[in-house]
C-alpha atoms as a PDB file:
ATOM      1  CA  UNK A   1      33.748  11.401  19.823  1.00  0.00           C
ATOM      2  CA  UNK A   2      33.790  14.648  21.834  1.00  0.00           C
ATOM      3  CA  UNK A   3      32.676  17.825  20.125  1.00  0.00           C
ATOM      4  CA  UNK A   4      35.442  20.169  19.050  1.00  0.00           C
ATOM      5  CA  UNK A   5      34.916  23.905  18.539  1.00  0.00           C
ATOM      6  CA  UNK A   6      37.352  23.751  15.613  1.00  0.00           C
ATOM      7  CA  UNK A   7      34.957  21.606  13.564  1.00  0.00           C
ATOM      8  CA  UNK A   8      31.764  22.553  11.738  1.00  0.00           C
ATOM      9  CA  UNK A   9      28.382  21.123  12.733  1.00  0.00           C
ATOM     10  CA  UNK A  10      27.331  17.644  11.701  1.00  0.00           C
ATOM     11  CA  UNK A  11      25.925  17.447   8.169  1.00  0.00           C
ATOM     12  CA  UNK A  12      24.487  14.677   6.033  1.00  0.00           C
ATOM     13  CA  UNK A  13      25.695  13.828   2.568  1.00  0.00           C
ATOM     14  CA  UNK A  14      23.448  14.622  -0.392  1.00  0.00           C
ATOM     15  CA  UNK A  15      25.007  12.101  -2.764  1.00  0.00           C
ATOM     16  CA  UNK A  16      26.937   8.860  -2.596  1.00  0.00           C
ATOM     17  CA  UNK A  17      28.025   6.418  -5.221  1.00  0.00           C
ATOM     18  CA  UNK A  18      30.478   3.871  -6.493  1.00  0.00           C
ATOM     19  CA  UNK A  19      32.982   4.285  -9.325  1.00  0.00           C
ATOM     20  CA  UNK A  20      34.511   1.234 -10.993  1.00  0.00           C
ATOM     21  CA  UNK A  21      38.174   2.039 -11.644  1.00  0.00           C
ATOM     22  CA  UNK A  22      39.553  -1.379 -12.664  1.00  0.00           C
ATOM     23  CA  UNK A  23      38.488  -4.956 -13.268  1.00  0.00           C
ATOM     24  CA  UNK A  24      39.060  -5.485  -9.551  1.00  0.00           C
ATOM     25  CA  UNK A  25      38.355  -2.209  -7.727  1.00  0.00           C
ATOM     26  CA  UNK A  26      35.251  -0.110  -7.176  1.00  0.00           C
ATOM     27  CA  UNK A  27      35.521   3.077  -5.105  1.00  0.00           C
ATOM     28  CA  UNK A  28      32.975   4.549  -2.714  1.00  0.00           C
ATOM     29  CA  UNK A  29      32.551   8.331  -2.663  1.00  0.00           C
ATOM     30  CA  UNK A  30      30.119  10.798  -1.185  1.00  0.00           C
ATOM     31  CA  UNK A  31      29.334  14.498  -1.467  1.00  0.00           C
ATOM     32  CA  UNK A  32      28.015  16.955   1.106  1.00  0.00           C
ATOM     33  CA  UNK A  33      27.923  20.682   1.729  1.00  0.00           C
ATOM     34  CA  UNK A  34      27.139  23.161  -1.033  1.00  0.00           C
ATOM     35  CA  UNK A  35      26.661  21.483  -4.450  1.00  0.00           C
ATOM     36  CA  UNK A  36      27.651  24.805  -6.083  1.00  0.00           C
ATOM     37  CA  UNK A  37      30.510  25.440  -3.663  1.00  0.00           C
ATOM     38  CA  UNK A  38      34.265  25.213  -4.080  1.00  0.00           C
ATOM     39  CA  UNK A  39      35.094  21.509  -4.581  1.00  0.00           C
ATOM     40  CA  UNK A  40      37.359  19.917  -1.967  1.00  0.00           C
ATOM     41  CA  UNK A  41      38.349  16.254  -1.768  1.00  0.00           C
ATOM     42  CA  UNK A  42      39.288  14.707   1.552  1.00  0.00           C
ATOM     43  CA  UNK A  43      41.825  11.858   1.430  1.00  0.00           C
ATOM     44  CA  UNK A  44      41.813   9.668   4.538  1.00  0.00           C
ATOM     45  CA  UNK A  45      44.757   8.093   6.314  1.00  0.00           C
ATOM     46  CA  UNK A  46      45.806   4.523   6.180  1.00  0.00           C
ATOM     47  CA  UNK A  47      46.405   2.841   3.930  1.00  0.00           C
ATOM     48  CA  UNK A  48      43.402   0.809   4.909  1.00  0.00           C
ATOM     49  CA  UNK A  49      41.539   3.540   6.779  1.00  0.00           C
ATOM     50  CA  UNK A  50      38.299   4.972   5.484  1.00  0.00           C
ATOM     51  CA  UNK A  51      36.133   8.060   5.636  1.00  0.00           C
ATOM     52  CA  UNK A  52      33.469   8.838   8.219  1.00  0.00           C
ATOM     53  CA  UNK A  53      30.767  11.455   8.612  1.00  0.00           C
ATOM     54  CA  UNK A  54      33.134  13.198  11.052  1.00  0.00           C
ATOM     55  CA  UNK A  55      35.480  14.034   8.143  1.00  0.00           C
ATOM     56  CA  UNK A  56      32.849  16.293   6.532  1.00  0.00           C
ATOM     57  CA  UNK A  57      33.160  18.618   9.516  1.00  0.00           C
ATOM     58  CA  UNK A  58      36.612  19.963   8.577  1.00  0.00           C
ATOM     59  CA  UNK A  59      34.989  22.153   5.905  1.00  0.00           C
ATOM     60  CA  UNK A  60      32.429  24.959   5.944  1.00  0.00           C
ATOM     61  CA  UNK A  61      29.383  23.350   4.269  1.00  0.00           C
ATOM     62  CA  UNK A  62      28.129  26.723   3.061  1.00  0.00           C
ATOM     63  CA  UNK A  63      31.359  27.326   1.134  1.00  0.00           C
ATOM     64  CA  UNK A  64      32.554  23.883   0.027  1.00  0.00           C
ATOM     65  CA  UNK A  65      31.316  21.004  -2.089  1.00  0.00           C
ATOM     66  CA  UNK A  66      32.818  18.321   0.150  1.00  0.00           C
ATOM     67  CA  UNK A  67      33.886  15.059  -1.472  1.00  0.00           C
ATOM     68  CA  UNK A  68      34.997  12.074   0.589  1.00  0.00           C
ATOM     69  CA  UNK A  69      36.633   9.046  -1.049  1.00  0.00           C
ATOM     70  CA  UNK A  70      37.359   5.583   0.298  1.00  0.00           C
ATOM     71  CA  UNK A  71      40.623   4.519  -1.339  1.00  0.00           C
ATOM     72  CA  UNK A  72      41.143   1.105  -2.954  1.00  0.00           C
ATOM     73  CA  UNK A  73      40.686  -1.670  -0.424  1.00  0.00           C
ATOM     74  CA  UNK A  74      39.451   0.722   2.280  1.00  0.00           C
ATOM     75  CA  UNK A  75      36.150   1.634   3.893  1.00  0.00           C
ATOM     76  CA  UNK A  76      33.156   0.907   1.650  1.00  0.00           C
ATOM     77  CA  UNK A  77      35.300   0.469  -1.485  1.00  0.00           C
ATOM     78  CA  UNK A  78      35.499  -3.073  -2.819  1.00  0.00           C
ATOM     79  CA  UNK A  79      37.051  -5.536  -2.550  1.00  0.00           C
ATOM     80  CA  UNK A  80      37.727  -4.904   1.125  1.00  0.00           C
ATOM     81  CA  UNK A  81      41.390  -4.945   2.220  1.00  0.00           C
ATOM     82  CA  UNK A  82      42.570  -5.978  -1.252  1.00  0.00           C
ATOM     83  CA  UNK A  83      46.222  -5.294  -2.011  1.00  0.00           C
ATOM     84  CA  UNK A  84      45.949  -6.596  -5.567  1.00  0.00           C
ATOM     85  CA  UNK A  85      46.524  -3.829  -8.133  1.00  0.00           C
ATOM     86  CA  UNK A  86      46.685  -1.387  -5.211  1.00  0.00           C
ATOM     87  CA  UNK A  87      49.676   0.924  -5.622  1.00  0.00           C
ATOM     88  CA  UNK A  88      50.330   4.552  -4.818  1.00  0.00           C
ATOM     89  CA  UNK A  89      50.138   5.485  -8.499  1.00  0.00           C
ATOM     90  CA  UNK A  90      46.865   3.588  -8.949  1.00  0.00           C
ATOM     91  CA  UNK A  91      45.418   5.524  -5.997  1.00  0.00           C
ATOM     92  CA  UNK A  92      46.548   8.826  -7.503  1.00  0.00           C
ATOM     93  CA  UNK A  93      44.965   7.843 -10.815  1.00  0.00           C
ATOM     94  CA  UNK A  94      41.720   6.975  -8.972  1.00  0.00           C
ATOM     95  CA  UNK A  95      41.556  10.481  -7.551  1.00  0.00           C
ATOM     96  CA  UNK A  96      41.846  11.932 -11.059  1.00  0.00           C
ATOM     97  CA  UNK A  97      39.197   9.546 -12.393  1.00  0.00           C
ATOM     98  CA  UNK A  98      36.799  10.624  -9.658  1.00  0.00           C
ATOM     99  CA  UNK A  99      37.451  14.300 -10.464  1.00  0.00           C
ATOM    100  CA  UNK A 100      36.576  13.626 -14.106  1.00  0.00           C
ATOM    101  CA  UNK A 101      33.548  11.483 -13.162  1.00  0.00           C
ATOM    102  CA  UNK A 102      32.147  14.332 -11.054  1.00  0.00           C
ATOM    103  CA  UNK A 103      32.885  16.835 -13.860  1.00  0.00           C
ATOM    104  CA  UNK A 104      35.102  19.004 -11.685  1.00  0.00           C
ATOM    105  CA  UNK A 105      37.745  21.131 -13.437  1.00  0.00           C
ATOM    106  CA  UNK A 106      39.880  21.709 -10.349  1.00  0.00           C
ATOM    107  CA  UNK A 107      39.554  21.168  -6.636  1.00  0.00           C
ATOM    108  CA  UNK A 108      41.257  21.621  -3.317  1.00  0.00           C
ATOM    109  CA  UNK A 109      43.030  18.458  -2.146  1.00  0.00           C
ATOM    110  CA  UNK A 110      43.066  17.906   1.619  1.00  0.00           C
ATOM    111  CA  UNK A 111      44.715  14.830   3.100  1.00  0.00           C
ATOM    112  CA  UNK A 112      45.691  13.521   6.484  1.00  0.00           C
ATOM    113  CA  UNK A 113      48.485  11.057   7.208  1.00  0.00           C
ATOM    114  CA  UNK A 114      48.651   8.661   4.212  1.00  0.00           C
ATOM    115  CA  UNK A 115      46.147  10.897   2.382  1.00  0.00           C
ATOM    116  CA  UNK A 116      48.663  13.753   2.469  1.00  0.00           C
ATOM    117  CA  UNK A 117      51.128  11.466   0.678  1.00  0.00           C
ATOM    118  CA  UNK A 118      48.664  10.978  -2.139  1.00  0.00           C
END
């Protein structure tokens, strides 16, 4: 992918994990940037898309605690491409469960395409 001056430099994540949200679904998430920074969650497009290391680059890593989430059935979340128990409202609830799991009081929500719908 060509470099864009509008994006921040490449950064690695400092944390990644999985959160079981139902009998069926387990979500993948990762964190990068400043662990003490302003929390921001990035919601990818799709449905069925997924996050990539490129998505971290929308945010200033010195300012933000950057959280990327693979939605139900997408990316590294399991089961892959599952539509069972996979509704808009379940996805919204997953976002809230991740916020609570990470012990974040409030955060900035940033979404593209389908992620902006959520």
